[in-house]
C-alpha atoms as a PDB file:
ATOM      1  CA  UNK A   1      -7.543 -74.817   0.138  1.00  0.00           C
ATOM      2  CA  UNK A   2      -6.975 -77.177  -2.965  1.00  0.00           C
ATOM      3  CA  UNK A   3      -4.371 -76.343  -5.369  1.00  0.00           C
ATOM      4  CA  UNK A   4      -5.824 -75.423  -9.278  1.00  0.00           C
ATOM      5  CA  UNK A   5      -4.850 -77.738 -11.588  1.00  0.00           C
ATOM      6  CA  UNK A   6      -2.211 -76.154 -14.277  1.00  0.00           C
ATOM      7  CA  UNK A   7      -2.465 -75.173 -17.251  1.00  0.00           C
ATOM      8  CA  UNK A   8       0.194 -76.164 -19.477  1.00  0.00           C
ATOM      9  CA  UNK A   9      -0.804 -74.480 -22.726  1.00  0.00           C
ATOM     10  CA  UNK A  10      -1.126 -70.758 -20.099  1.00  0.00           C
ATOM     11  CA  UNK A  11       2.223 -72.041 -18.862  1.00  0.00           C
ATOM     12  CA  UNK A  12       4.037 -72.956 -22.289  1.00  0.00           C
ATOM     13  CA  UNK A  13       2.568 -69.021 -23.189  1.00  0.00           C
ATOM     14  CA  UNK A  14       4.245 -67.734 -20.008  1.00  0.00           C
ATOM     15  CA  UNK A  15       7.748 -69.014 -20.985  1.00  0.00           C
ATOM     16  CA  UNK A  16       8.033 -68.233 -23.858  1.00  0.00           C
ATOM     17  CA  UNK A  17       7.253 -64.183 -22.696  1.00  0.00           C
ATOM     18  CA  UNK A  18       9.742 -64.555 -20.334  1.00  0.00           C
ATOM     19  CA  UNK A  19      12.251 -66.102 -22.640  1.00  0.00           C
ATOM     20  CA  UNK A  20      11.529 -62.880 -24.763  1.00  0.00           C
ATOM     21  CA  UNK A  21      11.787 -60.684 -22.213  1.00  0.00           C
ATOM     22  CA  UNK A  22      15.287 -61.970 -21.192  1.00  0.00           C
ATOM     23  CA  UNK A  23      16.215 -61.429 -24.527  1.00  0.00           C
ATOM     24  CA  UNK A  24      14.911 -58.535 -24.615  1.00  0.00           C
ATOM     25  CA  UNK A  25      17.233 -55.771 -22.713  1.00  0.00           C
ATOM     26  CA  UNK A  26      14.153 -54.113 -21.166  1.00  0.00           C
ATOM     27  CA  UNK A  27      12.691 -53.201 -17.989  1.00  0.00           C
ATOM     28  CA  UNK A  28       9.392 -54.868 -17.353  1.00  0.00           C
ATOM     29  CA  UNK A  29       7.523 -51.746 -17.506  1.00  0.00           C
ATOM     30  CA  UNK A  30       8.744 -50.755 -21.093  1.00  0.00           C
ATOM     31  CA  UNK A  31       8.567 -54.895 -22.500  1.00  0.00           C
ATOM     32  CA  UNK A  32       4.505 -54.959 -20.639  1.00  0.00           C
ATOM     33  CA  UNK A  33       4.055 -51.580 -22.368  1.00  0.00           C
ATOM     34  CA  UNK A  34       4.992 -53.620 -25.817  1.00  0.00           C
ATOM     35  CA  UNK A  35       3.665 -56.860 -25.306  1.00  0.00           C
ATOM     36  CA  UNK A  36       0.339 -55.153 -23.854  1.00  0.00           C
ATOM     37  CA  UNK A  37       0.143 -57.055 -20.398  1.00  0.00           C
ATOM     38  CA  UNK A  38      -0.572 -56.600 -16.750  1.00  0.00           C
ATOM     39  CA  UNK A  39       3.061 -55.932 -15.168  1.00  0.00           C
ATOM     40  CA  UNK A  40       1.099 -57.800 -11.945  1.00  0.00           C
ATOM     41  CA  UNK A  41       0.846 -60.769 -14.310  1.00  0.00           C
ATOM     42  CA  UNK A  42       3.910 -60.632 -15.787  1.00  0.00           C
ATOM     43  CA  UNK A  43       5.417 -61.020 -11.818  1.00  0.00           C
ATOM     44  CA  UNK A  44       3.714 -63.560 -11.031  1.00  0.00           C
ATOM     45  CA  UNK A  45       4.027 -65.724 -14.341  1.00  0.00           C
ATOM     46  CA  UNK A  46       7.639 -65.032 -12.782  1.00  0.00           C
ATOM     47  CA  UNK A  47       7.164 -66.457  -9.633  1.00  0.00           C
ATOM     48  CA  UNK A  48       5.292 -68.932 -10.034  1.00  0.00           C
ATOM     49  CA  UNK A  49       7.515 -70.492 -13.064  1.00  0.00           C
ATOM     50  CA  UNK A  50      10.540 -69.749 -10.840  1.00  0.00           C
ATOM     51  CA  UNK A  51       9.331 -71.728  -7.926  1.00  0.00           C
ATOM     52  CA  UNK A  52       8.798 -74.397  -9.919  1.00  0.00           C
ATOM     53  CA  UNK A  53      12.091 -74.133 -11.621  1.00  0.00           C
ATOM     54  CA  UNK A  54      13.177 -74.274  -8.465  1.00  0.00           C
ATOM     55  CA  UNK A  55      10.991 -76.877  -7.227  1.00  0.00           C
ATOM     56  CA  UNK A  56      12.870 -79.504 -10.109  1.00  0.00           C
ATOM     57  CA  UNK A  57      10.071 -78.376 -12.743  1.00  0.00           C
ATOM     58  CA  UNK A  58       6.289 -79.186 -13.092  1.00  0.00           C
ATOM     59  CA  UNK A  59       6.941 -83.167 -14.195  1.00  0.00           C
ATOM     60  CA  UNK A  60      10.057 -85.102 -13.493  1.00  0.00           C
ATOM     61  CA  UNK A  61      12.425 -85.543 -15.674  1.00  0.00           C
ATOM     62  CA  UNK A  62      12.585 -89.353 -16.087  1.00  0.00           C
ATOM     63  CA  UNK A  63       9.264 -91.629 -15.766  1.00  0.00           C
ATOM     64  CA  UNK A  64       9.892 -95.389 -15.154  1.00  0.00           C
ATOM     65  CA  UNK A  65       9.495 -97.444 -18.480  1.00  0.00           C
ATOM     66  CA  UNK A  66       8.537-101.023 -18.559  1.00  0.00           C
ATOM     67  CA  UNK A  67      10.392-102.415 -22.322  1.00  0.00           C
ATOM     68  CA  UNK A  68       8.686-106.249 -23.375  1.00  0.00           C
ATOM     69  CA  UNK A  69       9.971-107.939 -26.744  1.00  0.00           C
ATOM     70  CA  UNK A  70       6.473-109.582 -26.853  1.00  0.00           C
ATOM     71  CA  UNK A  71       5.480-109.610 -30.469  1.00  0.00           C
ATOM     72  CA  UNK A  72       2.016-109.192 -30.226  1.00  0.00           C
ATOM     73  CA  UNK A  73       2.201-106.246 -27.504  1.00  0.00           C
ATOM     74  CA  UNK A  74       1.047-103.412 -29.759  1.00  0.00           C
ATOM     75  CA  UNK A  75       3.470-101.249 -28.999  1.00  0.00           C
ATOM     76  CA  UNK A  76       2.545 -96.843 -28.655  1.00  0.00           C
ATOM     77  CA  UNK A  77       4.530 -94.156 -26.890  1.00  0.00           C
ATOM     78  CA  UNK A  78       3.072 -90.954 -25.497  1.00  0.00           C
ATOM     79  CA  UNK A  79       5.751 -88.044 -24.697  1.00  0.00           C
ATOM     80  CA  UNK A  80       4.360 -84.662 -23.172  1.00  0.00           C
ATOM     81  CA  UNK A  81       7.387 -82.133 -23.206  1.00  0.00           C
ATOM     82  CA  UNK A  82       7.841 -78.950 -20.809  1.00  0.00           C
ATOM     83  CA  UNK A  83       4.759 -76.190 -22.893  1.00  0.00           C
ATOM     84  CA  UNK A  84       2.251 -78.734 -23.284  1.00  0.00           C
ATOM     85  CA  UNK A  85       3.486 -80.144 -26.216  1.00  0.00           C
ATOM     86  CA  UNK A  86       2.393 -84.244 -26.549  1.00  0.00           C
ATOM     87  CA  UNK A  87       3.826 -86.503 -28.825  1.00  0.00           C
ATOM     88  CA  UNK A  88       2.603 -89.987 -29.983  1.00  0.00           C
ATOM     89  CA  UNK A  89       4.129 -92.562 -31.673  1.00  0.00           C
ATOM     90  CA  UNK A  90       2.101 -95.895 -32.347  1.00  0.00           C
ATOM     91  CA  UNK A  91       4.696 -99.081 -34.060  1.00  0.00           C
ATOM     92  CA  UNK A  92       7.928-100.025 -33.796  1.00  0.00           C
ATOM     93  CA  UNK A  93       9.701 -96.487 -32.925  1.00  0.00           C
ATOM     94  CA  UNK A  94      13.388 -95.587 -33.090  1.00  0.00           C
ATOM     95  CA  UNK A  95      15.184 -94.550 -30.677  1.00  0.00           C
ATOM     96  CA  UNK A  96      18.095 -92.091 -31.713  1.00  0.00           C
ATOM     97  CA  UNK A  97      15.378 -90.177 -34.157  1.00  0.00           C
ATOM     98  CA  UNK A  98      12.801 -90.122 -30.985  1.00  0.00           C
ATOM     99  CA  UNK A  99      15.375 -88.252 -29.103  1.00  0.00           C
ATOM    100  CA  UNK A 100      16.077 -85.962 -31.899  1.00  0.00           C
ATOM    101  CA  UNK A 101      12.992 -85.052 -32.225  1.00  0.00           C
ATOM    102  CA  UNK A 102      12.071 -84.574 -28.361  1.00  0.00           C
ATOM    103  CA  UNK A 103      15.476 -81.922 -28.356  1.00  0.00           C
ATOM    104  CA  UNK A 104      13.844 -79.730 -31.581  1.00  0.00           C
ATOM    105  CA  UNK A 105      10.034 -79.883 -29.699  1.00  0.00           C
ATOM    106  CA  UNK A 106      11.823 -78.364 -27.075  1.00  0.00           C
ATOM    107  CA  UNK A 107      12.720 -75.114 -28.416  1.00  0.00           C
ATOM    108  CA  UNK A 108       9.013 -74.626 -29.829  1.00  0.00           C
ATOM    109  CA  UNK A 109       7.445 -76.089 -26.867  1.00  0.00           C
ATOM    110  CA  UNK A 110       8.632 -73.290 -24.483  1.00  0.00           C
ATOM    111  CA  UNK A 111      11.603 -74.883 -23.058  1.00  0.00           C
END
């Protein structure tokens, strides 16, 4: 049977829900009642996300990159963060600023 394609937005939503649950101190039943969630969906997503974390996440942490000094080469960068955030840059990009931006956005995008 073919696997369903992942929906990054939905996974990001449930990662945020699970984060709120962890910080709530409530039982699953009480938390789901307050958040108007079904317990079955909560447990299913918690299991799914736990399995993805155990398997090393949904995508590799690093991917190959090609760096070139060709001045005639148009530069562009696209970075997809866990949770579905996509950053696109064109032109020169300062590595340190890019790294700081990614770290700042990760907390907002479900990680």
